[in-house]
């Protein structure tokens, strides 16, 4: 079993440097992210917040092998990096990739070599998880 996270939203607190830095980037930015959390947690339920905002969990024990891919110029960049660090600290296998020179949504450029390479890497990782 495994989980693949591509520019993941992991922390409702929005306290990373990239959240402060990327407030007007294309496709997704800190302003849109704040709107997302406001709508996603509309009833303000926080009793089990670790399921919506896993960076707030005391432990990630039991989390599956994970693949994380982030864009360099993305408000979510640091959340992905910090989550990868936490997984490693808790001895959970993780592969982390930062896509240099990209912003959120870069994988919409289907004809680019960068996206082609990323898709091949993702498929290879999934095959390794599912023993294909």
Protein backbone atom coordinates (compact mmCIF):
# COMPACT_ATOMS: atom_id res chain seq x y z
CA UNK A 1 0.00 0.00 0.00
CA UNK A 2 1.16 3.53 -0.67
CA UNK A 3 0.04 7.09 -1.18
CA UNK A 4 1.01 9.53 -3.92
CA UNK A 5 0.83 13.22 -3.06
CA UNK A 6 1.27 15.78 -5.84
CA UNK A 7 1.51 19.33 -4.43
CA UNK A 8 -0.44 18.20 -1.39
CA UNK A 9 -2.48 20.37 0.97
CA UNK A 10 -1.39 19.13 4.42
CA UNK A 11 -1.65 21.88 7.02
CA UNK A 12 -4.67 24.12 7.69
CA UNK A 13 -2.51 26.43 9.83
CA UNK A 14 -0.70 27.74 6.73
CA UNK A 15 2.44 28.63 8.71
CA UNK A 16 5.22 27.86 6.25
CA UNK A 17 7.51 30.34 4.51
CA UNK A 18 6.11 29.35 1.11
CA UNK A 19 2.59 30.28 2.32
CA UNK A 20 3.87 33.76 3.09
CA UNK A 21 5.89 34.04 -0.11
CA UNK A 22 3.46 32.76 -2.76
CA UNK A 23 0.30 34.82 -2.41
CA UNK A 24 -0.16 35.64 -6.10
CA UNK A 25 1.26 32.73 -8.11
CA UNK A 26 -0.61 31.20 -11.05
CA UNK A 27 -3.26 28.50 -10.57
CA UNK A 28 -2.97 28.15 -6.75
CA UNK A 29 -1.71 30.52 -4.09
CA UNK A 30 -2.02 31.18 -0.37
CA UNK A 31 -5.20 33.23 -0.87
CA UNK A 32 -6.93 30.34 -2.67
CA UNK A 33 -5.54 27.91 -0.11
CA UNK A 34 -7.10 29.91 2.74
CA UNK A 35 -10.44 29.84 0.87
CA UNK A 36 -10.07 26.08 0.45
CA UNK A 37 -9.61 25.51 4.18
CA UNK A 38 -12.49 27.80 5.04
CA UNK A 39 -14.82 25.79 2.79
CA UNK A 40 -13.37 22.37 3.59
CA UNK A 41 -13.72 22.87 7.34
CA UNK A 42 -16.96 24.80 7.05
CA UNK A 43 -18.42 23.36 10.24
CA UNK A 44 -15.12 24.05 12.00
CA UNK A 45 -14.86 20.46 13.21
CA UNK A 46 -11.46 20.04 14.84
CA UNK A 47 -11.85 16.94 17.04
CA UNK A 48 -10.23 14.74 14.37
CA UNK A 49 -8.28 17.47 12.56
CA UNK A 50 -5.31 15.14 11.99
CA UNK A 51 -7.27 13.48 9.19
CA UNK A 52 -7.82 16.75 7.33
CA UNK A 53 -4.55 18.41 8.33
CA UNK A 54 -2.03 15.60 8.85
CA UNK A 55 0.80 17.97 9.79
CA UNK A 56 -1.11 18.50 13.04
CA UNK A 57 -1.07 14.80 13.93
CA UNK A 58 1.03 13.86 16.94
CA UNK A 59 2.36 10.86 15.05
CA UNK A 60 2.24 9.60 11.49
CA UNK A 61 2.67 6.01 12.62
CA UNK A 62 0.81 3.70 10.28
CA UNK A 63 1.06 6.10 7.34
CA UNK A 64 1.89 4.15 4.17
CA UNK A 65 4.94 4.38 1.93
CA UNK A 66 4.65 7.81 0.32
CA UNK A 67 5.61 9.63 -2.87
CA UNK A 68 5.59 13.44 -2.64
CA UNK A 69 6.07 15.83 -5.54
CA UNK A 70 5.99 19.61 -5.16
CA UNK A 71 6.37 22.64 -7.41
CA UNK A 72 9.20 25.04 -6.63
CA UNK A 73 7.06 28.20 -6.82
CA UNK A 74 3.99 27.03 -4.94
CA UNK A 75 2.51 28.01 -1.59
CA UNK A 76 2.25 24.26 -0.84
CA UNK A 77 5.96 23.63 -1.45
CA UNK A 78 7.09 23.72 2.18
CA UNK A 79 4.17 21.62 3.42
CA UNK A 80 5.28 18.81 1.11
CA UNK A 81 8.91 19.13 2.20
CA UNK A 82 8.07 19.24 5.91
CA UNK A 83 5.73 16.27 5.57
CA UNK A 84 8.46 14.27 3.83
CA UNK A 85 10.83 15.17 6.68
CA UNK A 86 8.30 14.02 9.29
CA UNK A 87 7.73 10.74 7.48
CA UNK A 88 11.48 10.11 7.37
CA UNK A 89 11.82 10.96 11.07
CA UNK A 90 9.15 8.36 11.84
CA UNK A 91 10.86 5.74 9.62
CA UNK A 92 8.12 5.75 7.00
CA UNK A 93 9.49 5.25 3.47
CA UNK A 94 9.13 8.41 1.42
CA UNK A 95 10.32 9.67 -1.94
CA UNK A 96 10.35 13.45 -2.33
CA UNK A 97 10.76 15.42 -5.55
CA UNK A 98 10.88 19.17 -6.04
CA UNK A 99 10.08 20.15 -9.59
CA UNK A 100 12.50 23.03 -10.19
CA UNK A 101 11.23 26.04 -12.11
CA UNK A 102 7.56 25.07 -11.83
CA UNK A 103 4.40 26.43 -10.28
CA UNK A 104 1.26 24.61 -9.11
CA UNK A 105 -0.41 22.78 -11.99
CA UNK A 106 2.79 22.20 -14.00
CA UNK A 107 1.66 18.71 -14.95
CA UNK A 108 -0.95 20.25 -17.27
CA UNK A 109 1.91 20.81 -19.76
CA UNK A 110 1.45 17.31 -21.17
CA UNK A 111 3.96 17.73 -24.00
CA UNK A 112 6.87 18.87 -21.83
CA UNK A 113 9.83 16.62 -21.11
CA UNK A 114 9.63 17.61 -17.43
CA UNK A 115 6.07 16.30 -17.13
CA UNK A 116 6.82 13.21 -19.20
CA UNK A 117 9.70 12.35 -16.87
CA UNK A 118 7.54 13.01 -13.79
CA UNK A 119 4.76 10.74 -15.07
CA UNK A 120 7.27 7.96 -15.83
CA UNK A 121 8.70 8.29 -12.32
CA UNK A 122 5.20 8.20 -10.80
CA UNK A 123 4.27 5.09 -12.77
CA UNK A 124 7.53 3.38 -11.77
CA UNK A 125 6.86 4.20 -8.12
CA UNK A 126 3.29 2.87 -8.32
CA UNK A 127 4.53 -0.30 -9.96
CA UNK A 128 7.00 -0.80 -7.13
CA UNK A 129 4.24 -0.32 -4.54
CA UNK A 130 1.88 -2.74 -6.24
CA UNK A 131 4.61 -5.19 -7.35
CA UNK A 132 3.71 -4.89 -11.03
